[in-house]
PDB file of N, CA and C in Angstrom:
ATOM      1  N   LYS A   1      -3.628  23.448  -6.867  1.00  0.00           N
ATOM      2  CA  LYS A   1      -2.771  22.503  -6.414  1.00  0.00           C
ATOM      3  C   LYS A   1      -2.604  21.342  -7.256  1.00  0.00           C
ATOM      4  N   THR A   2      -1.320  20.765  -7.028  1.00  0.00           N
ATOM      5  CA  THR A   2      -0.960  19.741  -7.965  1.00  0.00           C
ATOM      6  C   THR A   2      -1.290  18.498  -7.334  1.00  0.00           C
ATOM      7  N   THR A   3      -1.946  17.540  -8.267  1.00  0.00           N
ATOM      8  CA  THR A   3      -2.405  16.253  -7.385  1.00  0.00           C
ATOM      9  C   THR A   3      -1.198  15.072  -7.624  1.00  0.00           C
ATOM     10  N   HIS A   4      -1.137  14.198  -6.978  1.00  0.00           N
ATOM     11  CA  HIS A   4      -0.251  13.098  -7.110  1.00  0.00           C
ATOM     12  C   HIS A   4      -0.859  12.056  -6.978  1.00  0.00           C
ATOM     13  N   THR A   5      -0.846  10.839  -7.602  1.00  0.00           N
ATOM     14  CA  THR A   5      -1.400   9.822  -7.522  1.00  0.00           C
ATOM     15  C   THR A   5      -0.876   8.609  -6.434  1.00  0.00           C
ATOM     16  N   LEU A   6      -1.687   8.081  -5.501  1.00  0.00           N
ATOM     17  CA  LEU A   6      -1.371   7.218  -4.508  1.00  0.00           C
ATOM     18  C   LEU A   6      -2.365   5.749  -5.063  1.00  0.00           C
ATOM     19  N   THR A   7      -1.525   4.825  -5.290  1.00  0.00           N
ATOM     20  CA  THR A   7      -2.132   3.453  -5.893  1.00  0.00           C
ATOM     21  C   THR A   7      -1.588   2.296  -4.562  1.00  0.00           C
ATOM     22  N   VAL A   8      -2.920   1.863  -4.279  1.00  0.00           N
ATOM     23  CA  VAL A   8      -2.626   0.812  -3.053  1.00  0.00           C
ATOM     24  C   VAL A   8      -3.196  -0.542  -3.930  1.00  0.00           C
ATOM     25  N   SER A   9      -2.175  -1.520  -3.816  1.00  0.00           N
ATOM     26  CA  SER A   9      -2.705  -2.658  -4.755  1.00  0.00           C
ATOM     27  C   SER A   9      -2.668  -3.833  -3.620  1.00  0.00           C
ATOM     28  N   PHE A  10      -3.468  -4.654  -4.078  1.00  0.00           N
ATOM     29  CA  PHE A  10      -3.757  -6.103  -2.863  1.00  0.00           C
ATOM     30  C   PHE A  10      -3.091  -7.394  -3.734  1.00  0.00           C
ATOM     31  N   ILE A  11      -2.164  -7.768  -3.255  1.00  0.00           N
ATOM     32  CA  ILE A  11      -1.390  -8.477  -4.141  1.00  0.00           C
ATOM     33  C   ILE A  11      -1.108 -10.095  -3.180  1.00  0.00           C
ATOM     34  N   SER A  12      -1.223 -11.311  -4.128  1.00  0.00           N
ATOM     35  CA  SER A  12      -0.973 -12.608  -3.442  1.00  0.00           C
ATOM     36  C   SER A  12       0.215 -12.746  -3.198  1.00  0.00           C
ATOM     37  N   ILE A  13       0.836 -13.296  -1.774  1.00  0.00           N
ATOM     38  CA  ILE A  13       2.119 -13.318  -1.529  1.00  0.00           C
ATOM     39  C   ILE A  13       2.838 -14.537  -2.322  1.00  0.00           C
ATOM     40  N   VAL A  14       1.965 -15.430  -2.826  1.00  0.00           N
ATOM     41  CA  VAL A  14       2.553 -16.622  -3.339  1.00  0.00           C
ATOM     42  C   VAL A  14       2.908 -16.527  -4.906  1.00  0.00           C
ATOM     43  N   ASP A  15       2.121 -15.880  -5.403  1.00  0.00           N
ATOM     44  CA  ASP A  15       2.517 -15.870  -7.254  1.00  0.00           C
ATOM     45  C   ASP A  15       2.619 -14.066  -7.379  1.00  0.00           C
ATOM     46  N   GLY A  16       2.316 -13.259  -6.447  1.00  0.00           N
ATOM     47  CA  GLY A  16       2.233 -11.942  -7.008  1.00  0.00           C
ATOM     48  C   GLY A  16       1.118 -11.158  -7.852  1.00  0.00           C
ATOM     49  N   SER A  17      -0.075 -12.378  -7.936  1.00  0.00           N
ATOM     50  CA  SER A  17      -1.211 -12.133  -8.640  1.00  0.00           C
ATOM     51  C   SER A  17      -1.909 -11.135  -7.837  1.00  0.00           C
ATOM     52  N   GLN A  18      -2.769 -10.193  -8.801  1.00  0.00           N
ATOM     53  CA  GLN A  18      -3.662  -9.038  -7.977  1.00  0.00           C
ATOM     54  C   GLN A  18      -4.949  -9.902  -7.718  1.00  0.00           C
ATOM     55  N   VAL A  19      -5.281 -10.029  -6.256  1.00  0.00           N
ATOM     56  CA  VAL A  19      -6.056 -10.485  -5.599  1.00  0.00           C
ATOM     57  C   VAL A  19      -7.559  -9.235  -5.135  1.00  0.00           C
ATOM     58  N   ALA A  20      -7.489  -8.394  -5.419  1.00  0.00           N
ATOM     59  CA  ALA A  20      -8.534  -7.231  -5.393  1.00  0.00           C
ATOM     60  C   ALA A  20      -8.157  -6.286  -6.052  1.00  0.00           C
ATOM     61  N   THR A  21      -9.064  -5.293  -6.306  1.00  0.00           N
ATOM     62  CA  THR A  21      -9.155  -4.373  -7.193  1.00  0.00           C
ATOM     63  C   THR A  21      -8.130  -2.993  -6.370  1.00  0.00           C
ATOM     64  N   PRO A  22      -7.052  -2.708  -7.170  1.00  0.00           N
ATOM     65  CA  PRO A  22      -6.523  -1.532  -6.667  1.00  0.00           C
ATOM     66  C   PRO A  22      -7.040  -0.506  -6.300  1.00  0.00           C
ATOM     67  N   VAL A  23      -6.903   0.550  -5.256  1.00  0.00           N
ATOM     68  CA  VAL A  23      -7.251   1.605  -5.002  1.00  0.00           C
ATOM     69  C   VAL A  23      -6.473   2.739  -5.507  1.00  0.00           C
ATOM     70  N   THR A  24      -6.890   3.413  -6.172  1.00  0.00           N
ATOM     71  CA  THR A  24      -5.980   4.773  -6.940  1.00  0.00           C
ATOM     72  C   THR A  24      -6.729   6.010  -6.373  1.00  0.00           C
ATOM     73  N   LEU A  25      -6.075   6.960  -5.971  1.00  0.00           N
ATOM     74  CA  LEU A  25      -6.467   8.089  -5.482  1.00  0.00           C
ATOM     75  C   LEU A  25      -5.579   9.300  -6.144  1.00  0.00           C
ATOM     76  N   GLU A  26      -6.331  10.419  -6.416  1.00  0.00           N
ATOM     77  CA  GLU A  26      -5.591  11.440  -6.913  1.00  0.00           C
ATOM     78  C   GLU A  26      -5.752  12.417  -5.536  1.00  0.00           C
ATOM     79  N   LEU A  27      -4.411  12.835  -5.066  1.00  0.00           N
ATOM     80  CA  LEU A  27      -4.269  13.589  -3.775  1.00  0.00           C
ATOM     81  C   LEU A  27      -3.325  14.689  -4.136  1.00  0.00           C
ATOM     82  N   SER A  28      -3.684  15.807  -3.151  1.00  0.00           N
ATOM     83  CA  SER A  28      -2.715  16.852  -3.267  1.00  0.00           C
ATOM     84  C   SER A  28      -1.556  16.432  -1.999  1.00  0.00           C
ATOM     85  N   ALA A  29      -0.354  17.007  -1.995  1.00  0.00           N
ATOM     86  CA  ALA A  29       0.528  16.872  -1.072  1.00  0.00           C
ATOM     87  C   ALA A  29       0.128  17.366   0.265  1.00  0.00           C
ATOM     88  N   GLY A  30       0.077  16.674   1.302  1.00  0.00           N
ATOM     89  CA  GLY A  30      -0.243  16.920   2.581  1.00  0.00           C
ATOM     90  C   GLY A  30      -1.973  16.513   2.940  1.00  0.00           C
ATOM     91  N   ASP A  31      -2.528  16.071   1.859  1.00  0.00           N
ATOM     92  CA  ASP A  31      -3.835  15.367   2.112  1.00  0.00           C
ATOM     93  C   ASP A  31      -3.809  14.066   2.745  1.00  0.00           C
ATOM     94  N   ASP A  32      -4.556  13.861   3.887  1.00  0.00           N
ATOM     95  CA  ASP A  32      -4.716  12.649   4.699  1.00  0.00           C
ATOM     96  C   ASP A  32      -5.352  11.597   3.967  1.00  0.00           C
ATOM     97  N   TYR A  33      -4.811  10.174   3.936  1.00  0.00           N
ATOM     98  CA  TYR A  33      -5.825   9.019   3.186  1.00  0.00           C
ATOM     99  C   TYR A  33      -5.683   7.826   4.375  1.00  0.00           C
ATOM    100  N   THR A  34      -6.984   7.407   4.073  1.00  0.00           N
ATOM    101  CA  THR A  34      -7.168   6.032   4.751  1.00  0.00           C
ATOM    102  C   THR A  34      -7.833   4.944   3.697  1.00  0.00           C
ATOM    103  N   ILE A  35      -7.051   4.088   3.712  1.00  0.00           N
ATOM    104  CA  ILE A  35      -7.456   2.745   2.551  1.00  0.00           C
ATOM    105  C   ILE A  35      -7.783   1.769   3.396  1.00  0.00           C
ATOM    106  N   TYR A  36      -8.878   1.107   3.717  1.00  0.00           N
ATOM    107  CA  TYR A  36      -9.388   0.023   4.257  1.00  0.00           C
ATOM    108  C   TYR A  36      -8.827  -1.328   3.254  1.00  0.00           C
ATOM    109  N   VAL A  37      -8.271  -2.177   3.736  1.00  0.00           N
ATOM    110  CA  VAL A  37      -7.737  -3.524   3.205  1.00  0.00           C
ATOM    111  C   VAL A  37      -8.987  -4.446   2.933  1.00  0.00           C
ATOM    112  N   PRO A  38      -9.591  -4.826   1.635  1.00  0.00           N
ATOM    113  CA  PRO A  38     -11.008  -5.432   1.602  1.00  0.00           C
ATOM    114  C   PRO A  38     -10.473  -6.953   2.069  1.00  0.00           C
ATOM    115  N   ALA A  39     -11.730  -7.385   2.443  1.00  0.00           N
ATOM    116  CA  ALA A  39     -11.459  -8.900   2.705  1.00  0.00           C
ATOM    117  C   ALA A  39     -11.522  -9.792   1.470  1.00  0.00           C
ATOM    118  N   VAL A  40     -10.777 -10.857   1.379  1.00  0.00           N
ATOM    119  CA  VAL A  40     -10.772 -11.543   0.295  1.00  0.00           C
ATOM    120  C   VAL A  40     -10.903 -12.917   0.614  1.00  0.00           C
ATOM    121  N   GLU A  41     -11.922 -13.727   0.182  1.00  0.00           N
ATOM    122  CA  GLU A  41     -11.988 -15.183   0.355  1.00  0.00           C
ATOM    123  C   GLU A  41     -10.858 -16.093   0.168  1.00  0.00           C
ATOM    124  N   GLY A  42     -10.458 -16.601   1.029  1.00  0.00           N
ATOM    125  CA  GLY A  42      -9.049 -17.660   0.914  1.00  0.00           C
ATOM    126  C   GLY A  42      -8.219 -17.131   1.225  1.00  0.00           C
ATOM    127  N   TYR A  43      -8.097 -15.623   1.593  1.00  0.00           N
ATOM    128  CA  TYR A  43      -6.675 -15.115   2.215  1.00  0.00           C
ATOM    129  C   TYR A  43      -6.864 -13.972   3.126  1.00  0.00           C
ATOM    130  N   THR A  44      -5.416 -13.970   3.919  1.00  0.00           N
ATOM    131  CA  THR A  44      -5.770 -13.369   5.204  1.00  0.00           C
ATOM    132  C   THR A  44      -4.692 -12.205   5.057  1.00  0.00           C
ATOM    133  N   SER A  45      -5.184 -10.947   5.527  1.00  0.00           N
ATOM    134  CA  SER A  45      -4.154  -9.849   5.611  1.00  0.00           C
ATOM    135  C   SER A  45      -3.772  -9.352   6.812  1.00  0.00           C
ATOM    136  N   PRO A  46      -2.134  -8.932   6.916  1.00  0.00           N
ATOM    137  CA  PRO A  46      -1.556  -8.789   8.179  1.00  0.00           C
ATOM    138  C   PRO A  46      -1.985  -7.344   8.436  1.00  0.00           C
ATOM    139  N   VAL A  47      -2.499  -6.732   7.672  1.00  0.00           N
ATOM    140  CA  VAL A  47      -2.977  -5.174   8.050  1.00  0.00           C
ATOM    141  C   VAL A  47      -4.468  -5.296   7.476  1.00  0.00           C
ATOM    142  N   SER A  48      -5.228  -4.185   8.179  1.00  0.00           N
ATOM    143  CA  SER A  48      -6.292  -3.792   7.801  1.00  0.00           C
ATOM    144  C   SER A  48      -6.503  -2.514   7.255  1.00  0.00           C
ATOM    145  N   ILE A  49      -5.499  -1.617   7.473  1.00  0.00           N
ATOM    146  CA  ILE A  49      -5.944  -0.127   7.063  1.00  0.00           C
ATOM    147  C   ILE A  49      -4.522   0.351   6.730  1.00  0.00           C
ATOM    148  N   VAL A  50      -4.279   0.973   5.441  1.00  0.00           N
ATOM    149  CA  VAL A  50      -3.015   1.757   5.259  1.00  0.00           C
ATOM    150  C   VAL A  50      -3.336   3.119   5.321  1.00  0.00           C
ATOM    151  N   THR A  51      -2.991   3.929   6.166  1.00  0.00           N
ATOM    152  CA  THR A  51      -3.228   5.192   6.324  1.00  0.00           C
ATOM    153  C   THR A  51      -1.980   6.228   6.287  1.00  0.00           C
ATOM    154  N   GLY A  52      -2.107   7.494   6.078  1.00  0.00           N
ATOM    155  CA  GLY A  52      -1.033   8.311   6.057  1.00  0.00           C
ATOM    156  C   GLY A  52      -1.494   9.740   5.507  1.00  0.00           C
ATOM    157  N   THR A  53      -0.420  10.906   5.255  1.00  0.00           N
ATOM    158  CA  THR A  53      -0.377  11.682   4.446  1.00  0.00           C
ATOM    159  C   THR A  53       0.417  11.725   3.272  1.00  0.00           C
ATOM    160  N   MET A  54      -0.243  12.353   2.260  1.00  0.00           N
ATOM    161  CA  MET A  54       0.346  12.194   0.734  1.00  0.00           C
ATOM    162  C   MET A  54       1.536  12.992   0.723  1.00  0.00           C
ATOM    163  N   PRO A  55       2.814  12.619   0.178  1.00  0.00           N
ATOM    164  CA  PRO A  55       3.760  13.354  -0.095  1.00  0.00           C
ATOM    165  C   PRO A  55       3.777  13.902  -1.273  1.00  0.00           C
ATOM    166  N   ASP A  56       4.613  15.048  -1.674  1.00  0.00           N
ATOM    167  CA  ASP A  56       4.663  15.647  -2.873  1.00  0.00           C
ATOM    168  C   ASP A  56       5.245  15.108  -4.015  1.00  0.00           C
ATOM    169  N   HIS A  57       4.677  13.944  -4.147  1.00  0.00           N
ATOM    170  CA  HIS A  57       4.999  13.128  -5.340  1.00  0.00           C
ATOM    171  C   HIS A  57       4.303  11.831  -5.226  1.00  0.00           C
ATOM    172  N   ASP A  58       4.300  10.956  -6.237  1.00  0.00           N
ATOM    173  CA  ASP A  58       3.328   9.870  -6.567  1.00  0.00           C
ATOM    174  C   ASP A  58       3.981   8.618  -5.587  1.00  0.00           C
ATOM    175  N   MET A  59       3.022   7.798  -5.201  1.00  0.00           N
ATOM    176  CA  MET A  59       3.271   6.672  -4.176  1.00  0.00           C
ATOM    177  C   MET A  59       2.838   5.443  -4.594  1.00  0.00           C
ATOM    178  N   SER A  60       3.354   4.242  -4.415  1.00  0.00           N
ATOM    179  CA  SER A  60       2.412   3.210  -4.540  1.00  0.00           C
ATOM    180  C   SER A  60       2.593   2.326  -3.238  1.00  0.00           C
ATOM    181  N   VAL A  61       1.786   1.496  -2.820  1.00  0.00           N
ATOM    182  CA  VAL A  61       1.576   0.585  -1.704  1.00  0.00           C
ATOM    183  C   VAL A  61       1.427  -0.764  -2.035  1.00  0.00           C
ATOM    184  N   LYS A  62       1.996  -1.641  -2.133  1.00  0.00           N
ATOM    185  CA  LYS A  62       1.478  -3.032  -2.263  1.00  0.00           C
ATOM    186  C   LYS A  62       1.295  -3.780  -0.943  1.00  0.00           C
ATOM    187  N   VAL A  63      -0.027  -4.164  -0.571  1.00  0.00           N
ATOM    188  CA  VAL A  63      -0.222  -5.022   0.369  1.00  0.00           C
ATOM    189  C   VAL A  63      -0.445  -6.605   0.079  1.00  0.00           C
ATOM    190  N   PHE A  64       0.692  -7.398   0.866  1.00  0.00           N
ATOM    191  CA  PHE A  64       0.415  -8.715   0.594  1.00  0.00           C
ATOM    192  C   PHE A  64      -0.478  -9.713   1.107  1.00  0.00           C
ATOM    193  N   LEU A  65      -1.552 -10.184   0.760  1.00  0.00           N
ATOM    194  CA  LEU A  65      -2.172 -11.049   1.538  1.00  0.00           C
ATOM    195  C   LEU A  65      -1.830 -12.603   1.220  1.00  0.00           C
ATOM    196  N   THR A  66      -1.824 -13.128   2.247  1.00  0.00           N
ATOM    197  CA  THR A  66      -1.294 -14.524   2.328  1.00  0.00           C
ATOM    198  C   THR A  66      -2.720 -15.764   2.262  1.00  0.00           C
ATOM    199  N   PRO A  67      -2.439 -16.619   1.537  1.00  0.00           N
ATOM    200  CA  PRO A  67      -3.735 -17.582   1.325  1.00  0.00           C
ATOM    201  C   PRO A  67      -3.775 -18.254   2.778  1.00  0.00           C
ATOM    202  N   GLU A  68      -4.904 -18.629   3.211  1.00  0.00           N
ATOM    203  CA  GLU A  68      -5.127 -19.114   4.468  1.00  0.00           C
ATOM    204  C   GLU A  68      -4.240 -20.511   4.554  1.00  0.00           C
ATOM    205  N   GLY A  69      -3.863 -20.726   5.852  1.00  0.00           N
ATOM    206  CA  GLY A  69      -3.038 -21.939   6.099  1.00  0.00           C
ATOM    207  C   GLY A  69      -1.428 -21.495   5.743  1.00  0.00           C
ATOM    208  N   ILE A  70      -1.134 -20.239   5.194  1.00  0.00           N
ATOM    209  CA  ILE A  70       0.350 -20.230   4.748  1.00  0.00           C
ATOM    210  C   ILE A  70       0.733 -19.120   5.690  1.00  0.00           C
ATOM    211  N   ARG A  71       2.123 -19.143   6.347  1.00  0.00           N
ATOM    212  CA  ARG A  71       2.829 -18.032   7.116  1.00  0.00           C
ATOM    213  C   ARG A  71       3.606 -17.243   6.294  1.00  0.00           C
ATOM    214  N   SER A  72       3.449 -16.082   6.399  1.00  0.00           N
ATOM    215  CA  SER A  72       4.710 -15.362   5.616  1.00  0.00           C
ATOM    216  C   SER A  72       4.762 -14.106   6.857  1.00  0.00           C
ATOM    217  N   LEU A  73       6.090 -13.503   6.484  1.00  0.00           N
ATOM    218  CA  LEU A  73       6.400 -12.293   7.278  1.00  0.00           C
ATOM    219  C   LEU A  73       6.629 -11.105   6.525  1.00  0.00           C
ATOM    220  N   ARG A  74       6.353 -11.255   5.253  1.00  0.00           N
ATOM    221  CA  ARG A  74       6.491 -10.069   4.382  1.00  0.00           C
ATOM    222  C   ARG A  74       4.810  -9.619   4.551  1.00  0.00           C
ATOM    223  N   THR A  75       4.805  -8.430   4.692  1.00  0.00           N
ATOM    224  CA  THR A  75       3.319  -7.870   4.591  1.00  0.00           C
ATOM    225  C   THR A  75       3.050  -6.582   3.886  1.00  0.00           C
ATOM    226  N   ILE A  76       4.146  -5.831   3.604  1.00  0.00           N
ATOM    227  CA  ILE A  76       3.757  -4.455   2.706  1.00  0.00           C
ATOM    228  C   ILE A  76       5.121  -3.972   2.178  1.00  0.00           C
ATOM    229  N   GLU A  77       5.232  -3.400   0.984  1.00  0.00           N
ATOM    230  CA  GLU A  77       5.886  -2.709   0.043  1.00  0.00           C
ATOM    231  C   GLU A  77       5.456  -1.562  -0.348  1.00  0.00           C
ATOM    232  N   ILE A  78       6.617  -0.479  -0.441  1.00  0.00           N
ATOM    233  CA  ILE A  78       6.223   0.828  -0.594  1.00  0.00           C
ATOM    234  C   ILE A  78       7.334   1.179  -1.640  1.00  0.00           C
ATOM    235  N   GLU A  79       6.448   1.971  -2.785  1.00  0.00           N
ATOM    236  CA  GLU A  79       7.503   2.690  -3.842  1.00  0.00           C
ATOM    237  C   GLU A  79       7.324   4.006  -3.518  1.00  0.00           C
ATOM    238  N   ASP A  80       8.103   4.828  -3.009  1.00  0.00           N
ATOM    239  CA  ASP A  80       8.081   6.194  -2.807  1.00  0.00           C
ATOM    240  C   ASP A  80       8.876   6.890  -3.989  1.00  0.00           C
ATOM    241  N   PHE A  81       8.006   7.244  -5.116  1.00  0.00           N
ATOM    242  CA  PHE A  81       8.749   8.069  -6.021  1.00  0.00           C
ATOM    243  C   PHE A  81       9.465   9.192  -6.064  1.00  0.00           C
ATOM    244  N   GLY A  82       9.578   9.585  -4.803  1.00  0.00           N
ATOM    245  CA  GLY A  82      10.245  10.779  -4.397  1.00  0.00           C
ATOM    246  C   GLY A  82      11.997  10.594  -4.027  1.00  0.00           C
ATOM    247  N   THR A  83      12.050   9.288  -3.793  1.00  0.00           N
ATOM    248  CA  THR A  83      13.504   8.835  -3.596  1.00  0.00           C
ATOM    249  C   THR A  83      14.103   8.551  -4.638  1.00  0.00           C
ATOM    250  N   PRO A  84      15.388   8.489  -4.616  1.00  0.00           N
ATOM    251  CA  PRO A  84      16.139   8.217  -5.915  1.00  0.00           C
ATOM    252  C   PRO A  84      15.927   7.118  -6.499  1.00  0.00           C
ATOM    253  N   LEU A  85      15.854   5.955  -5.812  1.00  0.00           N
ATOM    254  CA  LEU A  85      15.619   4.474  -6.395  1.00  0.00           C
ATOM    255  C   LEU A  85      14.295   4.286  -6.363  1.00  0.00           C
ATOM    256  N   GLY A  86      13.333   5.078  -6.060  1.00  0.00           N
ATOM    257  CA  GLY A  86      12.287   4.546  -6.163  1.00  0.00           C
ATOM    258  C   GLY A  86      11.284   3.530  -5.093  1.00  0.00           C
ATOM    259  N   ILE A  87      12.324   3.411  -4.204  1.00  0.00           N
ATOM    260  CA  ILE A  87      11.884   2.674  -3.048  1.00  0.00           C
ATOM    261  C   ILE A  87      12.258   3.254  -1.652  1.00  0.00           C
ATOM    262  N   ALA A  88      10.900   3.137  -0.979  1.00  0.00           N
ATOM    263  CA  ALA A  88      11.283   4.042   0.219  1.00  0.00           C
ATOM    264  C   ALA A  88      12.048   3.476   1.510  1.00  0.00           C
ATOM    265  N   ASP A  89      12.954   3.899   2.132  1.00  0.00           N
ATOM    266  CA  ASP A  89      13.629   3.306   3.221  1.00  0.00           C
ATOM    267  C   ASP A  89      13.081   3.826   4.567  1.00  0.00           C
ATOM    268  N   THR A  90      11.641   4.302   4.298  1.00  0.00           N
ATOM    269  CA  THR A  90      10.940   4.634   5.817  1.00  0.00           C
ATOM    270  C   THR A  90       9.654   4.197   5.500  1.00  0.00           C
ATOM    271  N   THR A  91       8.934   3.969   6.621  1.00  0.00           N
ATOM    272  CA  THR A  91       7.707   3.341   6.589  1.00  0.00           C
ATOM    273  C   THR A  91       6.784   4.158   6.048  1.00  0.00           C
ATOM    274  N   LEU A  92       6.178   3.507   4.784  1.00  0.00           N
ATOM    275  CA  LEU A  92       5.125   4.392   4.084  1.00  0.00           C
ATOM    276  C   LEU A  92       5.448   6.138   3.971  1.00  0.00           C
ATOM    277  N   GLY A  93       6.448   6.430   3.526  1.00  0.00           N
ATOM    278  CA  GLY A  93       6.898   7.546   3.299  1.00  0.00           C
ATOM    279  C   GLY A  93       7.085   8.527   4.543  1.00  0.00           C
ATOM    280  N   GLY A  94       7.393   7.808   5.848  1.00  0.00           N
ATOM    281  CA  GLY A  94       7.545   8.610   6.993  1.00  0.00           C
ATOM    282  C   GLY A  94       6.294   9.201   7.726  1.00  0.00           C
ATOM    283  N   ASP A  95       5.431   9.249   7.170  1.00  0.00           N
ATOM    284  CA  ASP A  95       4.336   9.774   7.830  1.00  0.00           C
ATOM    285  C   ASP A  95       3.028   8.927   7.458  1.00  0.00           C
ATOM    286  N   ALA A  96       3.054   7.839   7.732  1.00  0.00           N
ATOM    287  CA  ALA A  96       1.697   6.701   7.368  1.00  0.00           C
ATOM    288  C   ALA A  96       2.150   5.572   8.248  1.00  0.00           C
ATOM    289  N   MET A  97       0.898   4.859   8.315  1.00  0.00           N
ATOM    290  CA  MET A  97       1.262   3.764   9.348  1.00  0.00           C
ATOM    291  C   MET A  97       0.174   2.671   8.739  1.00  0.00           C
ATOM    292  N   ILE A  98       0.528   1.416   9.180  1.00  0.00           N
ATOM    293  CA  ILE A  98      -0.615   0.317   8.782  1.00  0.00           C
ATOM    294  C   ILE A  98      -1.021  -0.305  10.193  1.00  0.00           C
ATOM    295  N   GLU A  99      -2.284  -0.661  10.183  1.00  0.00           N
ATOM    296  CA  GLU A  99      -2.574  -1.363  11.530  1.00  0.00           C
ATOM    297  C   GLU A  99      -3.706  -2.757  11.225  1.00  0.00           C
TER     298      GLU A  99
END
């Protein structure tokens, strides 16, 4: 089976810096995945889990963490490398969810 790369990054909404170690998995199309968002001191996360089924191509998910005391509506960004522009127009590749 061909494997594809799923990368989940944890990014500061303020300056775009990485605030936790990214999770990178090699998965086959159709494999289910569950990534738990780590607790990061001084930050809050709008989601606690990123879960779904791996598509037949690489995918990158950015979870935006907000410094405590700051409000933001932006929570997650998906780069679905199976779409022509590399940006998904569906939620997490269409078969994934955040909670």
